[in-house]
Amino acid sequence: MSITSSPRVQASADVDHRATVGQDTVVWHLAQVRENAIVGDSCVIGRGAYIGPGVVIGDRCKIQNHALVYEPAFVENGAFIGPAVVFTNDYFPRAVRPDGQPKSAEDWEPVGVHVGEGASIGARAVCIAPVSIGRWAMVAAGAVVTRDVPDFALVAGVPARQVHWVGRAGVPLERVAGGTFRCPTTGHRYFEWKGRLREDVLTEAAALTELEDAPGRSARR
């Protein structure tokens, strides 16, 4: 195991010597971190969690108890992976080839799940690879994600469908007017356009001007 500083790894955890575990990260009992996996700084890897070969976990992530993060998943900084979450990696899974012989590593090509910065995946949710979970998005407990989730979207159900927008605080946003939303916790404003949500660092009028001046739209004179 390559240690960058001072991770804490419980004695019952199985961390391959070719894995990299960052500073101040905690790997709890019976967790397994496979070869060439990279786990960033200040992470928590819960009891019984599995991190597959070559998986990349960013800084300040929480991988809760018994989550299964199969390769080639990529998890960005600050993401939350809830208890017993499963990331699949085989779009057409079979144990054997058509001739009945066991499949080998050469008989399939793994596909991965990408989790954006700050996103949260609720307990027992399943993400069917290949799929991308957007920045600060939220997947409800027990959902089955079969298609990409936009930034800041809250999805639920089987299969998962968008039911709301959420902000960085994780609570549903309140519609202010038109396409403008407000976080009731932080007061931060967001702007919706064509099914996407952006953090409204500009005024709504400026944002509309920016969108109208984008390629394919007639610029204002």
C-alpha atoms as a PDB file:
ATOM      1  CA  MET A   1       0.000   0.000   0.000  1.00  0.00           C
ATOM      2  CA  SER A   2       1.334   3.419  -0.946  1.00  0.00           C
ATOM      3  CA  ILE A   3       0.717   5.831   1.938  1.00  0.00           C
ATOM      4  CA  THR A   4       0.904   9.563   1.202  1.00  0.00           C
ATOM      5  CA  SER A   5       0.675  10.592   4.852  1.00  0.00           C
ATOM      6  CA  SER A   6      -1.436   9.301   7.707  1.00  0.00           C
ATOM      7  CA  PRO A   7      -4.457   7.236   6.668  1.00  0.00           C
ATOM      8  CA  ARG A   8      -5.986   4.965   9.284  1.00  0.00           C
ATOM      9  CA  VAL A   9      -6.637   1.440   8.072  1.00  0.00           C
ATOM     10  CA  GLN A  10      -8.323  -1.057  10.379  1.00  0.00           C
ATOM     11  CA  ALA A  11      -6.538  -4.374  10.803  1.00  0.00           C
ATOM     12  CA  SER A  12      -9.389  -6.375   9.276  1.00  0.00           C
ATOM     13  CA  ALA A  13      -9.473  -4.236   6.105  1.00  0.00           C
ATOM     14  CA  ASP A  14      -7.824  -5.579   2.938  1.00  0.00           C
ATOM     15  CA  VAL A  15      -5.911  -2.825   1.154  1.00  0.00           C
ATOM     16  CA  ASP A  16      -3.742  -4.006  -1.726  1.00  0.00           C
ATOM     17  CA  HIS A  17      -0.127  -2.852  -1.572  1.00  0.00           C
ATOM     18  CA  ARG A  18      -0.538  -1.327  -5.063  1.00  0.00           C
ATOM     19  CA  ALA A  19      -3.443   0.887  -3.965  1.00  0.00           C
ATOM     20  CA  THR A  20      -2.964   4.520  -2.926  1.00  0.00           C
ATOM     21  CA  VAL A  21      -4.746   5.847   0.147  1.00  0.00           C
ATOM     22  CA  GLY A  22      -4.629   9.575   0.913  1.00  0.00           C
ATOM     23  CA  GLN A  23      -3.939  11.615   4.001  1.00  0.00           C
ATOM     24  CA  ASP A  24      -6.478  11.469   6.860  1.00  0.00           C
ATOM     25  CA  THR A  25      -8.548   8.802   5.099  1.00  0.00           C
ATOM     26  CA  VAL A  26     -10.147   6.093   7.255  1.00  0.00           C
ATOM     27  CA  VAL A  27     -10.688   2.552   5.948  1.00  0.00           C
ATOM     28  CA  TRP A  28     -13.005   0.664   8.287  1.00  0.00           C
ATOM     29  CA  HIS A  29     -13.359  -3.005   9.195  1.00  0.00           C
ATOM     30  CA  LEU A  30     -13.586  -5.622   6.416  1.00  0.00           C
ATOM     31  CA  ALA A  31     -13.413  -3.045   3.615  1.00  0.00           C
ATOM     32  CA  GLN A  32     -11.463  -4.047   0.505  1.00  0.00           C
ATOM     33  CA  VAL A  33      -9.465  -1.660  -1.673  1.00  0.00           C
ATOM     34  CA  ARG A  34      -8.133  -3.442  -4.750  1.00  0.00           C
ATOM     35  CA  GLU A  35      -4.925  -3.024  -6.733  1.00  0.00           C
ATOM     36  CA  ASN A  36      -4.219   0.324  -8.416  1.00  0.00           C
ATOM     37  CA  ALA A  37      -7.247   1.962  -6.804  1.00  0.00           C
ATOM     38  CA  ILE A  38      -6.734   5.565  -5.754  1.00  0.00           C
ATOM     39  CA  VAL A  39      -8.527   6.942  -2.705  1.00  0.00           C
ATOM     40  CA  GLY A  40      -8.034  10.649  -2.016  1.00  0.00           C
ATOM     41  CA  ASP A  41      -7.498  12.626   1.161  1.00  0.00           C
ATOM     42  CA  SER A  42      -9.952  12.855   4.081  1.00  0.00           C
ATOM     43  CA  CYS A  43     -12.218  10.052   2.824  1.00  0.00           C
ATOM     44  CA  VAL A  44     -14.219   7.495   4.797  1.00  0.00           C
ATOM     45  CA  ILE A  45     -14.422   3.951   3.432  1.00  0.00           C
ATOM     46  CA  GLY A  46     -17.096   2.179   5.466  1.00  0.00           C
ATOM     47  CA  ARG A  47     -17.274  -1.313   6.875  1.00  0.00           C
ATOM     48  CA  GLY A  48     -17.427  -3.998   4.176  1.00  0.00           C
ATOM     49  CA  ALA A  49     -17.169  -1.529   1.282  1.00  0.00           C
ATOM     50  CA  TYR A  50     -15.508  -2.690  -1.927  1.00  0.00           C
ATOM     51  CA  ILE A  51     -13.349  -0.455  -4.139  1.00  0.00           C
ATOM     52  CA  GLY A  52     -12.451  -2.223  -7.400  1.00  0.00           C
ATOM     53  CA  PRO A  53      -9.128  -2.295  -9.279  1.00  0.00           C
ATOM     54  CA  GLY A  54      -8.198   1.074 -10.726  1.00  0.00           C
ATOM     55  CA  VAL A  55     -11.214   2.884  -9.273  1.00  0.00           C
ATOM     56  CA  VAL A  56     -10.540   6.564  -8.561  1.00  0.00           C
ATOM     57  CA  ILE A  57     -12.077   8.198  -5.490  1.00  0.00           C
ATOM     58  CA  GLY A  58     -11.525  11.946  -5.001  1.00  0.00           C
ATOM     59  CA  ASP A  59     -10.917  13.872  -1.788  1.00  0.00           C
ATOM     60  CA  ARG A  60     -13.434  14.183   1.070  1.00  0.00           C
ATOM     61  CA  CYS A  61     -15.685  11.375  -0.184  1.00  0.00           C
ATOM     62  CA  LYS A  62     -17.782   9.058   1.966  1.00  0.00           C
ATOM     63  CA  ILE A  63     -18.224   5.475   0.789  1.00  0.00           C
ATOM     64  CA  GLN A  64     -20.659   3.977   3.292  1.00  0.00           C
ATOM     65  CA  ASN A  65     -20.955   0.430   4.645  1.00  0.00           C
ATOM     66  CA  HIS A  66     -21.132  -2.393   2.090  1.00  0.00           C
ATOM     67  CA  ALA A  67     -21.151  -0.131  -0.960  1.00  0.00           C
ATOM     68  CA  LEU A  68     -19.811  -1.911  -4.065  1.00  0.00           C
ATOM     69  CA  VAL A  69     -17.842   0.436  -6.314  1.00  0.00           C
ATOM     70  CA  TYR A  70     -16.784  -1.699  -9.265  1.00  0.00           C
ATOM     71  CA  GLU A  71     -14.147  -0.671 -11.768  1.00  0.00           C
ATOM     72  CA  PRO A  72     -13.768   1.511 -13.771  1.00  0.00           C
ATOM     73  CA  ALA A  73     -15.786   3.918 -11.602  1.00  0.00           C
ATOM     74  CA  PHE A  74     -14.602   7.513 -11.157  1.00  0.00           C
ATOM     75  CA  VAL A  75     -15.878   9.464  -8.153  1.00  0.00           C
ATOM     76  CA  GLU A  76     -15.104  13.174  -7.899  1.00  0.00           C
ATOM     77  CA  ASN A  77     -14.392  15.212  -4.749  1.00  0.00           C
ATOM     78  CA  GLY A  78     -16.979  15.444  -2.001  1.00  0.00           C
ATOM     79  CA  ALA A  79     -19.278  12.693  -3.252  1.00  0.00           C
ATOM     80  CA  PHE A  80     -21.420  10.543  -0.954  1.00  0.00           C
ATOM     81  CA  ILE A  81     -22.015   6.860  -1.775  1.00  0.00           C
ATOM     82  CA  GLY A  82     -24.625   5.484   0.619  1.00  0.00           C
ATOM     83  CA  PRO A  83     -24.890   2.105   2.362  1.00  0.00           C
ATOM     84  CA  ALA A  84     -25.181  -0.935   0.064  1.00  0.00           C
ATOM     85  CA  VAL A  85     -25.062   1.160  -3.132  1.00  0.00           C
ATOM     86  CA  VAL A  86     -24.030  -0.859  -6.199  1.00  0.00           C
ATOM     87  CA  PHE A  87     -22.197   0.439  -9.267  1.00  0.00           C
ATOM     88  CA  THR A  88     -22.403  -2.173 -12.020  1.00  0.00           C
ATOM     89  CA  ASN A  89     -19.729  -2.559 -14.686  1.00  0.00           C
ATOM     90  CA  ASP A  90     -21.022  -5.106 -17.196  1.00  0.00           C
ATOM     91  CA  TYR A  91     -23.817  -3.991 -19.525  1.00  0.00           C
ATOM     92  CA  PHE A  92     -24.475  -7.544 -20.778  1.00  0.00           C
ATOM     93  CA  PRO A  93     -23.467  -9.783 -17.847  1.00  0.00           C
ATOM     94  CA  ARG A  94     -22.925 -13.481 -18.385  1.00  0.00           C
ATOM     95  CA  ALA A  95     -20.938 -16.014 -16.373  1.00  0.00           C
ATOM     96  CA  VAL A  96     -20.203 -18.081 -19.492  1.00  0.00           C
ATOM     97  CA  ARG A  97     -19.617 -17.579 -23.213  1.00  0.00           C
ATOM     98  CA  PRO A  98     -22.197 -18.797 -25.766  1.00  0.00           C
ATOM     99  CA  ASP A  99     -20.328 -22.117 -25.927  1.00  0.00           C
ATOM    100  CA  GLY A 100     -20.866 -22.620 -22.203  1.00  0.00           C
ATOM    101  CA  GLN A 101     -17.254 -22.046 -21.198  1.00  0.00           C
ATOM    102  CA  PRO A 102     -16.494 -19.646 -18.320  1.00  0.00           C
ATOM    103  CA  LYS A 103     -15.902 -16.079 -19.421  1.00  0.00           C
ATOM    104  CA  SER A 104     -12.434 -14.687 -18.820  1.00  0.00           C
ATOM    105  CA  ALA A 105     -11.239 -11.110 -18.386  1.00  0.00           C
ATOM    106  CA  GLU A 106     -10.674 -10.944 -22.147  1.00  0.00           C
ATOM    107  CA  ASP A 107     -14.302 -11.826 -22.922  1.00  0.00           C
ATOM    108  CA  TRP A 108     -15.830  -8.547 -21.777  1.00  0.00           C
ATOM    109  CA  GLU A 109     -15.077  -4.861 -21.551  1.00  0.00           C
ATOM    110  CA  PRO A 110     -15.981  -3.189 -18.242  1.00  0.00           C
ATOM    111  CA  VAL A 111     -17.982   0.054 -18.341  1.00  0.00           C
ATOM    112  CA  GLY A 112     -18.048   2.518 -15.485  1.00  0.00           C
ATOM    113  CA  VAL A 113     -20.095   4.928 -13.417  1.00  0.00           C
ATOM    114  CA  HIS A 114     -18.962   8.549 -13.149  1.00  0.00           C
ATOM    115  CA  VAL A 115     -20.051  10.535 -10.089  1.00  0.00           C
ATOM    116  CA  GLY A 116     -19.661  14.322 -10.216  1.00  0.00           C
ATOM    117  CA  GLU A 117     -18.413  16.611  -7.486  1.00  0.00           C
ATOM    118  CA  GLY A 118     -20.636  16.776  -4.411  1.00  0.00           C
ATOM    119  CA  ALA A 119     -23.207  14.281  -5.702  1.00  0.00           C
ATOM    120  CA  SER A 120     -25.022  11.893  -3.336  1.00  0.00           C
ATOM    121  CA  ILE A 121     -26.209   8.342  -4.006  1.00  0.00           C
ATOM    122  CA  GLY A 122     -28.795   7.119  -1.483  1.00  0.00           C
ATOM    123  CA  ALA A 123     -28.816   3.801   0.350  1.00  0.00           C
ATOM    124  CA  ARG A 124     -29.302   0.655  -1.784  1.00  0.00           C
ATOM    125  CA  ALA A 125     -29.462   2.594  -5.030  1.00  0.00           C
ATOM    126  CA  VAL A 126     -28.132   0.825  -8.123  1.00  0.00           C
ATOM    127  CA  CYS A 127     -26.346   2.680 -10.917  1.00  0.00           C
ATOM    128  CA  ILE A 128     -26.339   0.721 -14.181  1.00  0.00           C
ATOM    129  CA  ALA A 129     -23.133   1.511 -16.073  1.00  0.00           C
ATOM    130  CA  PRO A 130     -22.346   3.272 -18.286  1.00  0.00           C
ATOM    131  CA  VAL A 131     -23.964   6.238 -16.565  1.00  0.00           C
ATOM    132  CA  SER A 132     -22.965   9.657 -15.248  1.00  0.00           C
ATOM    133  CA  ILE A 133     -24.297  11.320 -12.093  1.00  0.00           C
ATOM    134  CA  GLY A 134     -24.007  15.105 -12.373  1.00  0.00           C
ATOM    135  CA  ARG A 135     -22.421  17.579  -9.981  1.00  0.00           C
ATOM    136  CA  TRP A 136     -24.358  18.012  -6.728  1.00  0.00           C
ATOM    137  CA  ALA A 137     -27.093  15.701  -7.997  1.00  0.00           C
ATOM    138  CA  MET A 138     -28.940  13.385  -5.620  1.00  0.00           C
ATOM    139  CA  VAL A 139     -30.140   9.831  -6.183  1.00  0.00           C
ATOM    140  CA  ALA A 140     -32.890   8.733  -3.792  1.00  0.00           C
ATOM    141  CA  ALA A 141     -32.561   5.595  -1.702  1.00  0.00           C
ATOM    142  CA  GLY A 142     -33.493   2.441  -3.600  1.00  0.00           C
ATOM    143  CA  ALA A 143     -33.496   4.097  -7.019  1.00  0.00           C
ATOM    144  CA  VAL A 144     -32.218   2.311 -10.125  1.00  0.00           C
ATOM    145  CA  VAL A 145     -30.338   4.742 -12.358  1.00  0.00           C
ATOM    146  CA  THR A 146     -30.349   3.731 -16.024  1.00  0.00           C
ATOM    147  CA  ARG A 147     -29.539   7.051 -17.706  1.00  0.00           C
ATOM    148  CA  ASP A 148     -27.416  10.124 -17.015  1.00  0.00           C
ATOM    149  CA  VAL A 149     -28.500  12.436 -14.195  1.00  0.00           C
ATOM    150  CA  PRO A 150     -28.098  16.219 -14.766  1.00  0.00           C
ATOM    151  CA  ASP A 151     -26.242  18.480 -12.358  1.00  0.00           C
ATOM    152  CA  PHE A 152     -28.377  19.387  -9.299  1.00  0.00           C
ATOM    153  CA  ALA A 153     -31.163  16.946 -10.229  1.00  0.00           C
ATOM    154  CA  LEU A 154     -32.963  14.811  -7.643  1.00  0.00           C
ATOM    155  CA  VAL A 155     -33.995  11.466  -9.129  1.00  0.00           C
ATOM    156  CA  ALA A 156     -36.064   8.679  -7.585  1.00  0.00           C
ATOM    157  CA  GLY A 157     -37.824   5.454  -8.514  1.00  0.00           C
ATOM    158  CA  VAL A 158     -37.326   2.398 -10.708  1.00  0.00           C
ATOM    159  CA  PRO A 159     -36.160   3.385 -13.217  1.00  0.00           C
ATOM    160  CA  ALA A 160     -35.034   6.695 -11.736  1.00  0.00           C
ATOM    161  CA  ARG A 161     -36.757   9.852 -12.972  1.00  0.00           C
ATOM    162  CA  GLN A 162     -36.153  13.471 -12.007  1.00  0.00           C
ATOM    163  CA  VAL A 163     -38.569  14.707  -9.351  1.00  0.00           C
ATOM    164  CA  HIS A 164     -36.953  17.985  -8.269  1.00  0.00           C
ATOM    165  CA  TRP A 165     -33.929  20.240  -8.314  1.00  0.00           C
ATOM    166  CA  VAL A 166     -31.602  20.389  -5.309  1.00  0.00           C
ATOM    167  CA  GLY A 167     -28.860  22.843  -4.377  1.00  0.00           C
ATOM    168  CA  ARG A 168     -25.479  22.287  -2.820  1.00  0.00           C
ATOM    169  CA  ALA A 169     -27.134  21.900   0.598  1.00  0.00           C
ATOM    170  CA  GLY A 170     -29.077  18.897  -0.720  1.00  0.00           C
ATOM    171  CA  VAL A 171     -32.570  20.234  -0.005  1.00  0.00           C
ATOM    172  CA  PRO A 172     -35.183  20.791  -2.743  1.00  0.00           C
ATOM    173  CA  LEU A 173     -35.078  24.241  -4.313  1.00  0.00           C
ATOM    174  CA  GLU A 174     -37.979  26.676  -4.234  1.00  0.00           C
ATOM    175  CA  ARG A 175     -39.125  28.274  -7.476  1.00  0.00           C
ATOM    176  CA  VAL A 176     -38.890  32.063  -7.224  1.00  0.00           C
ATOM    177  CA  ALA A 177     -40.125  33.130 -10.652  1.00  0.00           C
ATOM    178  CA  GLY A 178     -39.860  31.726 -14.144  1.00  0.00           C
ATOM    179  CA  GLY A 179     -36.682  29.687 -14.346  1.00  0.00           C
ATOM    180  CA  THR A 180     -35.165  31.046 -11.124  1.00  0.00           C
ATOM    181  CA  PHE A 181     -34.897  28.855  -8.022  1.00  0.00           C
ATOM    182  CA  ARG A 182     -33.716  29.561  -4.486  1.00  0.00           C
ATOM    183  CA  CYS A 183     -32.194  27.287  -1.848  1.00  0.00           C
ATOM    184  CA  PRO A 184     -34.228  27.662   1.379  1.00  0.00           C
ATOM    185  CA  THR A 185     -31.157  26.762   3.438  1.00  0.00           C
ATOM    186  CA  THR A 186     -28.415  28.925   1.933  1.00  0.00           C
ATOM    187  CA  GLY A 187     -30.420  31.509  -0.027  1.00  0.00           C
ATOM    188  CA  HIS A 188     -28.283  30.778  -3.087  1.00  0.00           C
ATOM    189  CA  ARG A 189     -30.042  31.215  -6.445  1.00  0.00           C
ATOM    190  CA  TYR A 190     -30.026  28.884  -9.425  1.00  0.00           C
ATOM    191  CA  PHE A 191     -31.239  29.334 -12.983  1.00  0.00           C
ATOM    192  CA  GLU A 192     -32.929  26.685 -15.175  1.00  0.00           C
ATOM    193  CA  TRP A 193     -32.682  26.684 -18.938  1.00  0.00           C
ATOM    194  CA  LYS A 194     -33.650  23.859 -21.324  1.00  0.00           C
ATOM    195  CA  GLY A 195     -33.752  21.226 -18.613  1.00  0.00           C
ATOM    196  CA  ARG A 196     -30.422  22.154 -17.052  1.00  0.00           C
ATOM    197  CA  LEU A 197     -29.681  24.032 -13.847  1.00  0.00           C
ATOM    198  CA  ARG A 198     -26.801  26.448 -13.379  1.00  0.00           C
ATOM    199  CA  GLU A 199     -25.625  28.318 -10.351  1.00  0.00           C
ATOM    200  CA  ASP A 200     -26.867  31.816 -11.022  1.00  0.00           C
ATOM    201  CA  VAL A 201     -23.688  33.830 -10.527  1.00  0.00           C
ATOM    202  CA  LEU A 202     -25.071  36.374 -13.020  1.00  0.00           C
ATOM    203  CA  THR A 203     -28.397  38.141 -12.873  1.00  0.00           C
ATOM    204  CA  GLU A 204     -31.223  36.380 -14.667  1.00  0.00           C
ATOM    205  CA  ALA A 205     -31.266  39.055 -17.390  1.00  0.00           C
ATOM    206  CA  ALA A 206     -27.519  38.686 -17.965  1.00  0.00           C
ATOM    207  CA  ALA A 207     -27.866  34.910 -18.090  1.00  0.00           C
ATOM    208  CA  LEU A 208     -30.591  35.175 -20.741  1.00  0.00           C
ATOM    209  CA  THR A 209     -28.418  37.510 -22.790  1.00  0.00           C
ATOM    210  CA  GLU A 210     -25.529  35.092 -22.518  1.00  0.00           C
ATOM    211  CA  LEU A 211     -27.702  32.224 -23.720  1.00  0.00           C
ATOM    212  CA  GLU A 212     -29.111  34.240 -26.632  1.00  0.00           C
ATOM    213  CA  ASP A 213     -25.597  35.184 -27.726  1.00  0.00           C
ATOM    214  CA  ALA A 214     -24.442  31.563 -27.674  1.00  0.00           C
ATOM    215  CA  PRO A 215     -23.517  29.867 -31.006  1.00  0.00           C
ATOM    216  CA  GLY A 216     -26.594  29.174 -33.100  1.00  0.00           C
ATOM    217  CA  ARG A 217     -28.548  32.133 -31.666  1.00  0.00           C
ATOM    218  CA  SER A 218     -28.771  35.637 -33.133  1.00  0.00           C
ATOM    219  CA  ALA A 219     -26.645  38.031 -31.101  1.00  0.00           C
ATOM    220  CA  ARG A 220     -28.296  41.172 -29.807  1.00  0.00           C
ATOM    221  CA  ARG A 221     -27.300  44.415 -31.466  1.00  0.00           C
END
